[in-house]
Amino acid sequence: MIPLMSKKSVTDHLAAVPLFNACSKKELGIIAKASTEMSFPDGTELMKQDQSAREAFVLTEGTVVVKRNNRKVAELGPGAFLGEMGLLDKGPRTATVIAQGPVEALVLGPREFAGLLDEVPSISHKLLKALAARIRDLDTKVYG
């Protein structure tokens, strides 16, 4: 595979991701090394609702549409991190994610993702905060 970005560029992208912004340069290097750069053409399903989770994504370029039960629930762009829930609990995907135009992303498989959580503890703390924020958002939407 031809690299899409230099390692410096990859770490720059990672530093801009809220989940990773507390990481040191060394930790960002570890994350960059563990991830695979991939390009997805317009219309590609990065993940499909109810299927098994096989990877997590960090969007570096482009936009994706998130659909739940065929209803658009979000649009995400560079810096978004998605797919981590299925890797954490080994459960099915909660949404379908489709590239809207060309998309570039860093992809982490289950082994790499688990290794990062062990090797870079600050990610675990940030991930817990991000998941708690999502739960609070949902709680507010459902219960007011």
Protein backbone atom coordinates (compact mmCIF):
# COMPACT_ATOMS: atom_id res chain seq x y z
CA MET A 1 0.00 0.00 0.00
CA ILE A 2 1.26 3.49 -0.81
CA PRO A 3 1.23 5.73 2.26
CA LEU A 4 -1.37 8.47 2.01
CA MET A 5 0.49 10.79 4.39
CA SER A 6 3.91 11.11 5.96
CA LYS A 7 4.23 9.90 9.56
CA LYS A 8 4.54 13.55 10.67
CA SER A 9 1.29 14.34 8.92
CA VAL A 10 -0.38 11.32 10.51
CA THR A 11 0.68 12.45 13.98
CA ASP A 12 -0.51 16.00 13.17
CA HIS A 13 -3.93 14.59 12.23
CA LEU A 14 -4.04 12.51 15.40
CA ALA A 15 -3.09 15.48 17.59
CA ALA A 16 -6.19 17.29 16.26
CA VAL A 17 -8.52 14.44 17.28
CA PRO A 18 -10.12 15.25 20.64
CA LEU A 19 -9.68 11.66 21.80
CA PHE A 20 -5.91 11.93 21.31
CA ASN A 21 -5.17 15.58 22.12
CA ALA A 22 -3.77 14.77 25.58
CA CYS A 23 -1.26 12.33 24.11
CA SER A 24 2.47 13.04 23.97
CA LYS A 25 4.35 13.02 20.65
CA LYS A 26 5.69 9.59 21.57
CA GLU A 27 2.16 8.28 22.21
CA LEU A 28 0.92 9.82 18.94
CA GLY A 29 3.76 8.00 17.19
CA ILE A 30 2.63 4.72 18.76
CA ILE A 31 -0.94 5.35 17.56
CA ALA A 32 0.26 6.26 14.06
CA LYS A 33 2.36 3.10 13.89
CA ALA A 34 -0.61 0.93 15.01
CA SER A 35 -3.02 2.38 12.43
CA THR A 36 -3.39 1.79 8.70
CA GLU A 37 -4.13 4.63 6.30
CA MET A 38 -7.02 3.92 3.95
CA SER A 39 -9.01 5.74 1.27
CA PHE A 40 -12.71 5.17 0.69
CA PRO A 41 -14.54 6.37 -2.44
CA ASP A 42 -17.90 8.14 -2.32
CA GLY A 43 -20.72 5.84 -1.22
CA THR A 44 -18.53 3.28 0.55
CA GLU A 45 -20.02 1.77 3.72
CA LEU A 46 -17.31 1.97 6.35
CA MET A 47 -19.55 0.05 8.73
CA LYS A 48 -23.06 -1.41 8.63
CA GLN A 49 -25.59 -1.40 11.45
CA ASP A 50 -25.96 -4.75 13.25
CA GLN A 51 -22.79 -6.26 11.73
CA SER A 52 -19.81 -7.31 13.84
CA ALA A 53 -17.24 -4.64 14.58
CA ARG A 54 -13.90 -5.29 12.92
CA GLU A 55 -12.21 -1.89 13.20
CA ALA A 56 -12.34 1.67 14.46
CA PHE A 57 -11.74 4.74 12.29
CA VAL A 58 -10.19 8.16 12.73
CA LEU A 59 -11.35 10.40 9.88
CA THR A 60 -8.54 12.50 8.43
CA GLU A 61 -10.21 13.85 5.26
CA GLY A 62 -13.77 14.01 3.98
CA THR A 63 -17.22 13.53 5.46
CA VAL A 64 -19.32 10.52 6.44
CA VAL A 65 -23.05 10.22 7.06
CA VAL A 66 -24.18 8.20 10.06
CA LYS A 67 -27.52 6.42 9.71
CA ARG A 68 -29.48 4.53 12.30
CA ASN A 69 -32.40 2.42 11.03
CA ASN A 70 -31.95 4.12 7.62
CA ARG A 71 -32.42 7.58 9.19
CA LYS A 72 -29.60 10.12 9.09
CA VAL A 73 -28.53 10.92 12.63
CA ALA A 74 -25.20 12.68 12.10
CA GLU A 75 -22.58 13.91 9.69
CA LEU A 76 -18.95 13.64 10.78
CA GLY A 77 -15.73 15.07 9.38
CA PRO A 78 -11.99 15.15 9.99
CA GLY A 79 -11.03 14.40 13.58
CA ALA A 80 -14.04 12.18 14.24
CA PHE A 81 -13.39 8.83 15.88
CA LEU A 82 -15.94 6.08 15.23
CA GLY A 83 -16.41 2.36 15.59
CA GLU A 84 -14.83 2.08 19.02
CA MET A 85 -17.96 0.88 20.85
CA GLY A 86 -18.11 -2.39 18.93
CA LEU A 87 -14.43 -3.03 19.62
CA LEU A 88 -14.89 -2.32 23.32
CA ASP A 89 -17.89 -4.58 23.93
CA LYS A 90 -17.63 -6.93 20.92
CA GLY A 91 -21.25 -6.04 20.15
CA PRO A 92 -22.82 -5.26 16.78
CA ARG A 93 -22.49 -1.89 15.06
CA THR A 94 -25.10 0.61 16.25
CA ALA A 95 -25.17 2.54 12.96
CA THR A 96 -24.28 2.47 9.29
CA VAL A 97 -21.56 4.91 8.23
CA ILE A 98 -21.27 5.92 4.57
CA ALA A 99 -18.59 8.01 2.85
CA GLN A 100 -20.05 11.21 1.42
CA GLY A 101 -17.44 11.99 -1.20
CA PRO A 102 -13.91 10.62 -0.92
CA VAL A 103 -12.82 9.86 2.65
CA GLU A 104 -9.41 9.14 4.14
CA ALA A 105 -9.11 7.51 7.53
CA LEU A 106 -6.71 5.84 9.89
CA VAL A 107 -8.01 2.36 10.68
CA LEU A 108 -7.35 0.36 13.84
CA GLY A 109 -8.13 -3.34 14.04
CA PRO A 110 -9.26 -4.98 17.29
CA ARG A 111 -5.78 -6.14 18.30
CA GLU A 112 -4.21 -2.73 17.60
CA PHE A 113 -7.04 -0.93 19.38
CA ALA A 114 -6.74 -3.13 22.49
CA GLY A 115 -2.96 -2.73 22.45
CA LEU A 116 -3.28 1.06 22.34
CA LEU A 117 -5.63 1.07 25.32
CA ASP A 118 -2.99 -0.88 27.26
CA GLU A 119 0.02 1.05 25.97
CA VAL A 120 -1.38 4.60 26.01
CA PRO A 121 -3.52 4.95 29.19
CA SER A 122 -4.52 8.54 28.40
CA ILE A 123 -6.59 7.19 25.49
CA SER A 124 -8.63 5.03 27.86
CA HIS A 125 -9.42 8.04 30.05
CA LYS A 126 -10.40 10.19 27.07
CA LEU A 127 -12.46 7.35 25.59
CA LEU A 128 -14.39 6.96 28.84
CA LYS A 129 -15.10 10.72 28.88
CA ALA A 130 -16.24 10.65 25.24
CA LEU A 131 -18.55 7.69 25.86
CA ALA A 132 -19.96 9.33 28.99
CA ALA A 133 -20.66 12.50 26.96
CA ARG A 134 -22.52 10.43 24.35
CA ILE A 135 -24.61 8.79 27.08
CA ARG A 136 -25.45 12.19 28.58
CA ASP A 137 -26.45 13.49 25.12
CA LEU A 138 -28.69 10.50 24.52
CA ASP A 139 -30.17 10.78 27.99
CA THR A 140 -31.04 14.43 27.37
CA LYS A 141 -32.58 13.62 23.98
CA VAL A 142 -34.67 10.78 25.38
CA TYR A 143 -35.65 12.15 28.79
CA GLY A 144 -35.23 15.90 28.39
